[in-house]
Amino acid sequence: MLLVGWTTVGNRDDADQLARGLVESRLAACVQIEGPVTSQYIWQGKVETSEEFRLTVKFIPARAAAVETWLQEHHPYATPEWITVRAEHVAEKYLSWARANCTSAPL
């Protein structure tokens, strides 16, 4: 099984740092960065609109708690978005690659 998680940050540098940190620490097999995207949300009682970058994080279930803890410690937001779902189907070759890259010792 493979999990996919999403978070957003306010600039490309933060997105790059989070992505690299997750991959280098072998918590995630792959992190994709998209954006900018426009987000609208309520923050401290007011409707806000901001430009953000979305990270799509792919990782194995055994790493789920560690990924979330790592993100909480390194994310620039006080209340970061972190949503995960299980992939319905993952091609066996890709899943094997993801497992190998989420379970080895850090580089």
N, C-alpha and C. Protein backbone atom coordinates (compact mmCIF):
# COMPACT_ATOMS: atom_id res chain seq x y z
N MET A 1 0.83 -1.17 0.00
CA MET A 1 0.00 0.00 0.00
C MET A 1 0.88 1.24 0.00
N LEU A 2 0.36 2.32 -0.58
CA LEU A 2 1.05 3.59 -0.63
C LEU A 2 0.10 4.66 -0.14
N LEU A 3 0.61 5.62 0.61
CA LEU A 3 -0.18 6.76 1.05
C LEU A 3 0.25 7.99 0.27
N VAL A 4 -0.70 8.90 0.09
CA VAL A 4 -0.44 10.17 -0.58
C VAL A 4 -0.92 11.26 0.36
N GLY A 5 -0.07 12.24 0.61
CA GLY A 5 -0.44 13.34 1.49
C GLY A 5 -0.23 14.67 0.81
N TRP A 6 -0.97 15.67 1.29
CA TRP A 6 -0.87 17.01 0.73
C TRP A 6 -0.65 18.04 1.83
N THR A 7 0.17 19.02 1.50
CA THR A 7 0.34 20.19 2.34
C THR A 7 0.61 21.37 1.41
N THR A 8 0.52 22.57 1.96
CA THR A 8 0.81 23.77 1.18
C THR A 8 1.73 24.69 1.98
N VAL A 9 2.48 25.50 1.25
CA VAL A 9 3.34 26.52 1.86
C VAL A 9 3.24 27.79 1.03
N GLY A 10 3.73 28.89 1.59
CA GLY A 10 3.55 30.19 0.97
C GLY A 10 4.55 30.57 -0.10
N ASN A 11 5.65 29.83 -0.24
CA ASN A 11 6.61 30.19 -1.28
C ASN A 11 7.38 28.96 -1.76
N ARG A 12 8.01 29.12 -2.89
CA ARG A 12 8.70 28.01 -3.54
C ARG A 12 9.90 27.52 -2.72
N ASP A 13 10.62 28.43 -2.09
CA ASP A 13 11.78 28.01 -1.30
C ASP A 13 11.37 27.08 -0.16
N ASP A 14 10.28 27.42 0.55
CA ASP A 14 9.80 26.54 1.61
C ASP A 14 9.36 25.19 1.05
N ALA A 15 8.70 25.22 -0.11
CA ALA A 15 8.27 23.96 -0.75
C ALA A 15 9.49 23.10 -1.08
N ASP A 16 10.51 23.71 -1.66
CA ASP A 16 11.72 22.96 -2.01
C ASP A 16 12.40 22.39 -0.77
N GLN A 17 12.47 23.16 0.30
CA GLN A 17 13.12 22.68 1.53
C GLN A 17 12.37 21.51 2.14
N LEU A 18 11.04 21.60 2.21
CA LEU A 18 10.27 20.49 2.76
C LEU A 18 10.41 19.24 1.89
N ALA A 19 10.29 19.42 0.58
CA ALA A 19 10.38 18.28 -0.34
C ALA A 19 11.74 17.59 -0.20
N ARG A 20 12.80 18.37 -0.24
CA ARG A 20 14.15 17.80 -0.16
C ARG A 20 14.36 17.11 1.19
N GLY A 21 13.91 17.72 2.27
CA GLY A 21 14.07 17.12 3.58
C GLY A 21 13.35 15.80 3.73
N LEU A 22 12.14 15.72 3.21
CA LEU A 22 11.38 14.47 3.29
C LEU A 22 12.03 13.36 2.48
N VAL A 23 12.54 13.71 1.29
CA VAL A 23 13.16 12.70 0.43
C VAL A 23 14.54 12.31 0.96
N GLU A 24 15.34 13.30 1.35
CA GLU A 24 16.68 12.99 1.85
C GLU A 24 16.64 12.14 3.12
N SER A 25 15.64 12.34 3.96
CA SER A 25 15.53 11.56 5.18
C SER A 25 14.83 10.22 4.95
N ARG A 26 14.46 9.98 3.69
CA ARG A 26 13.80 8.74 3.28
C ARG A 26 12.47 8.51 3.97
N LEU A 27 11.82 9.60 4.34
CA LEU A 27 10.46 9.49 4.86
C LEU A 27 9.47 9.38 3.70
N ALA A 28 9.80 10.02 2.59
CA ALA A 28 8.95 9.99 1.40
C ALA A 28 9.77 9.48 0.22
N ALA A 29 9.11 8.73 -0.65
CA ALA A 29 9.78 8.26 -1.86
C ALA A 29 9.86 9.37 -2.90
N CYS A 30 8.84 10.24 -2.89
CA CYS A 30 8.74 11.29 -3.90
C CYS A 30 7.88 12.42 -3.35
N VAL A 31 8.26 13.64 -3.66
CA VAL A 31 7.43 14.80 -3.34
C VAL A 31 7.35 15.65 -4.60
N GLN A 32 6.15 15.93 -5.04
CA GLN A 32 5.94 16.78 -6.20
C GLN A 32 5.45 18.15 -5.74
N ILE A 33 5.91 19.19 -6.40
CA ILE A 33 5.53 20.56 -6.06
C ILE A 33 4.74 21.14 -7.22
N GLU A 34 3.58 21.69 -6.89
CA GLU A 34 2.73 22.33 -7.90
C GLU A 34 2.47 23.77 -7.45
N GLY A 35 2.31 24.63 -8.42
CA GLY A 35 1.89 25.97 -8.07
C GLY A 35 2.60 27.03 -8.88
N PRO A 36 2.18 28.21 -8.58
CA PRO A 36 1.34 28.56 -7.46
C PRO A 36 -0.14 28.21 -7.69
N VAL A 37 -0.82 27.95 -6.58
CA VAL A 37 -2.26 27.75 -6.57
C VAL A 37 -2.85 28.84 -5.68
N THR A 38 -4.11 29.17 -5.88
CA THR A 38 -4.78 30.16 -5.05
C THR A 38 -5.61 29.45 -4.01
N SER A 39 -5.41 29.80 -2.74
CA SER A 39 -6.17 29.22 -1.65
C SER A 39 -7.04 30.29 -1.00
N GLN A 40 -8.27 29.92 -0.68
CA GLN A 40 -9.17 30.79 0.08
C GLN A 40 -9.59 30.03 1.32
N TYR A 41 -9.51 30.69 2.47
CA TYR A 41 -9.75 30.00 3.74
C TYR A 41 -10.03 31.04 4.82
N ILE A 42 -10.52 30.58 5.95
CA ILE A 42 -10.73 31.47 7.09
C ILE A 42 -9.56 31.30 8.04
N TRP A 43 -8.95 32.42 8.41
CA TRP A 43 -7.84 32.41 9.36
C TRP A 43 -8.07 33.55 10.34
N GLN A 44 -8.11 33.20 11.62
CA GLN A 44 -8.33 34.15 12.69
C GLN A 44 -9.58 34.99 12.45
N GLY A 45 -10.65 34.31 11.99
CA GLY A 45 -11.95 34.94 11.82
C GLY A 45 -12.15 35.73 10.54
N LYS A 46 -11.16 35.76 9.66
CA LYS A 46 -11.27 36.53 8.42
C LYS A 46 -11.04 35.62 7.22
N VAL A 47 -11.76 35.92 6.13
CA VAL A 47 -11.53 35.21 4.88
C VAL A 47 -10.24 35.72 4.27
N GLU A 48 -9.35 34.79 3.97
CA GLU A 48 -8.05 35.12 3.39
C GLU A 48 -7.93 34.49 2.00
N THR A 49 -7.18 35.13 1.15
CA THR A 49 -6.82 34.58 -0.15
C THR A 49 -5.30 34.69 -0.27
N SER A 50 -4.67 33.57 -0.61
CA SER A 50 -3.22 33.61 -0.74
C SER A 50 -2.75 32.69 -1.85
N GLU A 51 -1.57 33.00 -2.33
CA GLU A 51 -0.91 32.16 -3.33
C GLU A 51 -0.03 31.18 -2.56
N GLU A 52 -0.16 29.89 -2.89
CA GLU A 52 0.60 28.86 -2.20
C GLU A 52 1.17 27.86 -3.19
N PHE A 53 2.04 27.03 -2.68
CA PHE A 53 2.58 25.91 -3.45
C PHE A 53 2.14 24.63 -2.76
N ARG A 54 1.61 23.68 -3.55
CA ARG A 54 1.11 22.42 -3.01
C ARG A 54 2.15 21.33 -3.18
N LEU A 55 2.38 20.60 -2.09
CA LEU A 55 3.27 19.45 -2.12
C LEU A 55 2.44 18.19 -2.06
N THR A 56 2.71 17.27 -2.97
CA THR A 56 2.10 15.95 -2.96
C THR A 56 3.19 14.98 -2.53
N VAL A 57 2.96 14.33 -1.39
CA VAL A 57 3.97 13.50 -0.74
C VAL A 57 3.55 12.04 -0.85
N LYS A 58 4.43 11.17 -1.37
CA LYS A 58 4.13 9.75 -1.50
C LYS A 58 5.04 8.96 -0.58
N PHE A 59 4.41 8.12 0.27
CA PHE A 59 5.16 7.41 1.29
C PHE A 59 4.43 6.13 1.69
N ILE A 60 5.15 5.24 2.37
CA ILE A 60 4.56 3.97 2.79
C ILE A 60 3.92 4.13 4.18
N PRO A 61 2.92 3.31 4.48
CA PRO A 61 2.22 3.44 5.77
C PRO A 61 3.14 3.37 6.99
N ALA A 62 4.20 2.59 6.92
CA ALA A 62 5.12 2.47 8.05
C ALA A 62 5.78 3.80 8.39
N ARG A 63 5.80 4.72 7.47
CA ARG A 63 6.43 6.02 7.67
C ARG A 63 5.42 7.13 8.02
N ALA A 64 4.13 6.81 8.10
CA ALA A 64 3.09 7.82 8.25
C ALA A 64 3.29 8.70 9.48
N ALA A 65 3.49 8.11 10.63
CA ALA A 65 3.65 8.90 11.85
C ALA A 65 4.91 9.76 11.78
N ALA A 66 5.99 9.20 11.26
CA ALA A 66 7.25 9.94 11.16
C ALA A 66 7.13 11.11 10.18
N VAL A 67 6.43 10.91 9.06
CA VAL A 67 6.23 11.99 8.10
C VAL A 67 5.46 13.13 8.76
N GLU A 68 4.38 12.80 9.44
CA GLU A 68 3.56 13.84 10.08
C GLU A 68 4.36 14.58 11.16
N THR A 69 5.10 13.86 11.97
CA THR A 69 5.92 14.49 13.01
C THR A 69 6.97 15.40 12.38
N TRP A 70 7.64 14.92 11.35
CA TRP A 70 8.67 15.70 10.68
C TRP A 70 8.07 16.99 10.11
N LEU A 71 6.90 16.87 9.46
CA LEU A 71 6.25 18.05 8.89
C LEU A 71 5.88 19.06 9.99
N GLN A 72 5.34 18.58 11.09
CA GLN A 72 4.98 19.48 12.18
C GLN A 72 6.21 20.25 12.70
N GLU A 73 7.34 19.59 12.71
CA GLU A 73 8.57 20.21 13.21
C GLU A 73 9.22 21.17 12.22
N HIS A 74 9.01 20.95 10.91
CA HIS A 74 9.72 21.72 9.90
C HIS A 74 8.83 22.67 9.08
N HIS A 75 7.54 22.54 9.18
CA HIS A 75 6.62 23.34 8.37
C HIS A 75 6.60 24.78 8.88
N PRO A 76 6.61 25.76 7.96
CA PRO A 76 6.61 27.16 8.40
C PRO A 76 5.26 27.65 8.95
N TYR A 77 4.18 26.95 8.69
CA TYR A 77 2.86 27.39 9.16
C TYR A 77 2.61 26.91 10.59
N ALA A 78 1.89 27.72 11.36
CA ALA A 78 1.49 27.33 12.72
C ALA A 78 0.50 26.17 12.69
N THR A 79 -0.36 26.17 11.68
CA THR A 79 -1.37 25.10 11.52
C THR A 79 -1.29 24.59 10.08
N PRO A 80 -0.32 23.73 9.79
CA PRO A 80 -0.17 23.27 8.40
C PRO A 80 -1.26 22.29 8.00
N GLU A 81 -1.64 22.39 6.74
CA GLU A 81 -2.53 21.39 6.16
C GLU A 81 -1.75 20.08 6.08
N TRP A 82 -2.38 18.98 6.48
CA TRP A 82 -1.80 17.65 6.26
C TRP A 82 -2.95 16.69 6.11
N ILE A 83 -3.18 16.26 4.88
CA ILE A 83 -4.27 15.35 4.55
C ILE A 83 -3.66 14.16 3.84
N THR A 84 -4.01 12.95 4.27
CA THR A 84 -3.50 11.76 3.61
C THR A 84 -4.64 10.86 3.17
N VAL A 85 -4.39 10.13 2.10
CA VAL A 85 -5.33 9.13 1.60
C VAL A 85 -4.53 7.89 1.19
N ARG A 86 -5.22 6.77 1.16
CA ARG A 86 -4.61 5.54 0.65
C ARG A 86 -4.80 5.48 -0.86
N ALA A 87 -3.76 5.11 -1.54
CA ALA A 87 -3.86 4.92 -2.99
C ALA A 87 -4.68 3.66 -3.25
N GLU A 88 -5.68 3.77 -4.09
CA GLU A 88 -6.54 2.65 -4.43
C GLU A 88 -5.76 1.53 -5.11
N HIS A 89 -4.88 1.93 -6.01
CA HIS A 89 -4.05 0.95 -6.73
C HIS A 89 -2.71 1.60 -7.03
N VAL A 90 -1.66 0.84 -6.88
CA VAL A 90 -0.31 1.31 -7.21
C VAL A 90 0.36 0.22 -8.02
N ALA A 91 0.91 0.59 -9.17
CA ALA A 91 1.62 -0.38 -10.00
C ALA A 91 2.72 -1.04 -9.17
N GLU A 92 2.89 -2.33 -9.28
CA GLU A 92 3.82 -3.08 -8.44
C GLU A 92 5.26 -2.56 -8.54
N LYS A 93 5.71 -2.23 -9.76
CA LYS A 93 7.07 -1.72 -9.91
C LYS A 93 7.25 -0.40 -9.16
N TYR A 94 6.26 0.48 -9.25
CA TYR A 94 6.36 1.76 -8.56
C TYR A 94 6.31 1.56 -7.04
N LEU A 95 5.43 0.69 -6.59
CA LEU A 95 5.32 0.41 -5.16
C LEU A 95 6.62 -0.18 -4.62
N SER A 96 7.24 -1.07 -5.36
CA SER A 96 8.52 -1.64 -4.94
C SER A 96 9.59 -0.56 -4.85
N TRP A 97 9.60 0.33 -5.83
CA TRP A 97 10.55 1.44 -5.82
C TRP A 97 10.30 2.33 -4.60
N ALA A 98 9.03 2.66 -4.33
CA ALA A 98 8.69 3.51 -3.19
C ALA A 98 9.10 2.87 -1.87
N ARG A 99 8.83 1.59 -1.74
CA ARG A 99 9.23 0.88 -0.51
C ARG A 99 10.74 0.93 -0.31
N ALA A 100 11.47 0.69 -1.38
CA ALA A 100 12.94 0.68 -1.29
C ALA A 100 13.48 2.05 -0.89
N ASN A 101 12.81 3.10 -1.32
CA ASN A 101 13.31 4.44 -1.06
C ASN A 101 12.76 5.06 0.22
N CYS A 102 11.86 4.38 0.89
CA CYS A 102 11.34 4.85 2.18
C CYS A 102 11.83 4.01 3.34
N THR A 103 12.62 3.00 3.07
CA THR A 103 13.03 2.11 4.15
C THR A 103 14.52 2.00 4.34
N SER A 104 15.28 2.49 3.40
CA SER A 104 16.74 2.43 3.56
C SER A 104 17.22 3.52 4.50
N ALA A 105 18.43 3.38 4.96
CA ALA A 105 19.02 4.39 5.83
C ALA A 105 19.16 5.71 5.07
N PRO A 106 19.07 6.84 5.75
CA PRO A 106 19.25 8.13 5.07
C PRO A 106 20.60 8.20 4.37
N LEU A 107 20.63 8.98 3.31
CA LEU A 107 21.86 9.16 2.53
C LEU A 107 22.91 9.87 3.32
